[in-house]
Amino acid sequence: MARTKEELLEKLAEDVVEMEDEDVVVTAKEYLDAGYPAMEGLMNGLVKGMSKA
């Protein structure tokens, strides 16, 4: 089952916090392949994780 946009954003942030670089790549690809906006993934996923780390 495909994950929702919110689930993918949360997973991106979590992967960054946990420093799981390979998982970040996989999750980011899944997010982009689902057609979600790259900037939103960056700001609400990756940057959110960097802020917590």
C-alpha atoms as a PDB file:
ATOM      1  CA  MET A   1       0.000   0.000   0.000  1.00  0.00           C
ATOM      2  CA  ALA A   2       1.305   3.427  -0.924  1.00  0.00           C
ATOM      3  CA  ARG A   3       2.081   5.822   1.891  1.00  0.00           C
ATOM      4  CA  THR A   4       0.363   9.189   2.129  1.00  0.00           C
ATOM      5  CA  LYS A   5       2.209  12.441   1.553  1.00  0.00           C
ATOM      6  CA  GLU A   6       2.140  13.152   5.289  1.00  0.00           C
ATOM      7  CA  GLU A   7       3.572   9.723   6.095  1.00  0.00           C
ATOM      8  CA  LEU A   8       6.377  10.204   3.592  1.00  0.00           C
ATOM      9  CA  LEU A   9       7.211  13.678   4.927  1.00  0.00           C
ATOM     10  CA  GLU A  10       7.354  12.331   8.477  1.00  0.00           C
ATOM     11  CA  LYS A  11       9.524   9.398   7.325  1.00  0.00           C
ATOM     12  CA  LEU A  12      11.907  11.800   5.557  1.00  0.00           C
ATOM     13  CA  ALA A  13      12.283  13.859   8.732  1.00  0.00           C
ATOM     14  CA  GLU A  14      12.764  10.716  10.830  1.00  0.00           C
ATOM     15  CA  ASP A  15      15.375   9.312   8.431  1.00  0.00           C
ATOM     16  CA  VAL A  16      17.361  12.565   8.652  1.00  0.00           C
ATOM     17  CA  VAL A  17      17.229  12.606  12.462  1.00  0.00           C
ATOM     18  CA  GLU A  18      18.366   8.970  12.585  1.00  0.00           C
ATOM     19  CA  MET A  19      21.105   9.737   9.994  1.00  0.00           C
ATOM     20  CA  GLU A  20      19.853   6.915   7.781  1.00  0.00           C
ATOM     21  CA  ASP A  21      21.250   8.311   4.524  1.00  0.00           C
ATOM     22  CA  GLU A  22      20.261   5.324   2.382  1.00  0.00           C
ATOM     23  CA  ASP A  23      16.703   5.442   3.751  1.00  0.00           C
ATOM     24  CA  VAL A  24      16.526   9.190   3.012  1.00  0.00           C
ATOM     25  CA  VAL A  25      17.288   8.456  -0.646  1.00  0.00           C
ATOM     26  CA  VAL A  26      14.693   5.674  -0.858  1.00  0.00           C
ATOM     27  CA  THR A  27      11.987   7.729   0.871  1.00  0.00           C
ATOM     28  CA  ALA A  28      12.743  10.850  -1.184  1.00  0.00           C
ATOM     29  CA  LYS A  29      12.494   8.816  -4.388  1.00  0.00           C
ATOM     30  CA  GLU A  30       9.184   7.313  -3.273  1.00  0.00           C
ATOM     31  CA  TYR A  31       7.895  10.815  -2.446  1.00  0.00           C
ATOM     32  CA  LEU A  32       8.930  12.264  -5.817  1.00  0.00           C
ATOM     33  CA  ASP A  33       7.742   9.220  -7.780  1.00  0.00           C
ATOM     34  CA  ALA A  34       4.308   9.697  -6.197  1.00  0.00           C
ATOM     35  CA  GLY A  35       4.213  13.131  -7.852  1.00  0.00           C
ATOM     36  CA  TYR A  36       4.486  15.249  -4.728  1.00  0.00           C
ATOM     37  CA  PRO A  37       6.220  18.662  -4.975  1.00  0.00           C
ATOM     38  CA  ALA A  38       9.988  18.581  -4.425  1.00  0.00           C
ATOM     39  CA  MET A  39      10.089  21.900  -2.546  1.00  0.00           C
ATOM     40  CA  GLU A  40       7.467  20.689  -0.087  1.00  0.00           C
ATOM     41  CA  GLY A  41       9.437  17.495   0.504  1.00  0.00           C
ATOM     42  CA  LEU A  42      12.552  19.509   1.102  1.00  0.00           C
ATOM     43  CA  MET A  43      10.987  22.027   3.477  1.00  0.00           C
ATOM     44  CA  ASN A  44       8.497  19.802   5.326  1.00  0.00           C
ATOM     45  CA  GLY A  45      10.583  16.632   5.349  1.00  0.00           C
ATOM     46  CA  LEU A  46      14.319  17.137   5.096  1.00  0.00           C
ATOM     47  CA  VAL A  47      14.579  20.586   6.714  1.00  0.00           C
ATOM     48  CA  LYS A  48      12.178  19.529   9.470  1.00  0.00           C
ATOM     49  CA  GLY A  49      14.474  16.597  10.227  1.00  0.00           C
ATOM     50  CA  MET A  50      17.575  18.805  10.165  1.00  0.00           C
ATOM     51  CA  SER A  51      15.919  21.156  12.648  1.00  0.00           C
ATOM     52  CA  LYS A  52      15.361  18.254  15.054  1.00  0.00           C
ATOM     53  CA  ALA A  53      18.823  16.709  14.648  1.00  0.00           C
END
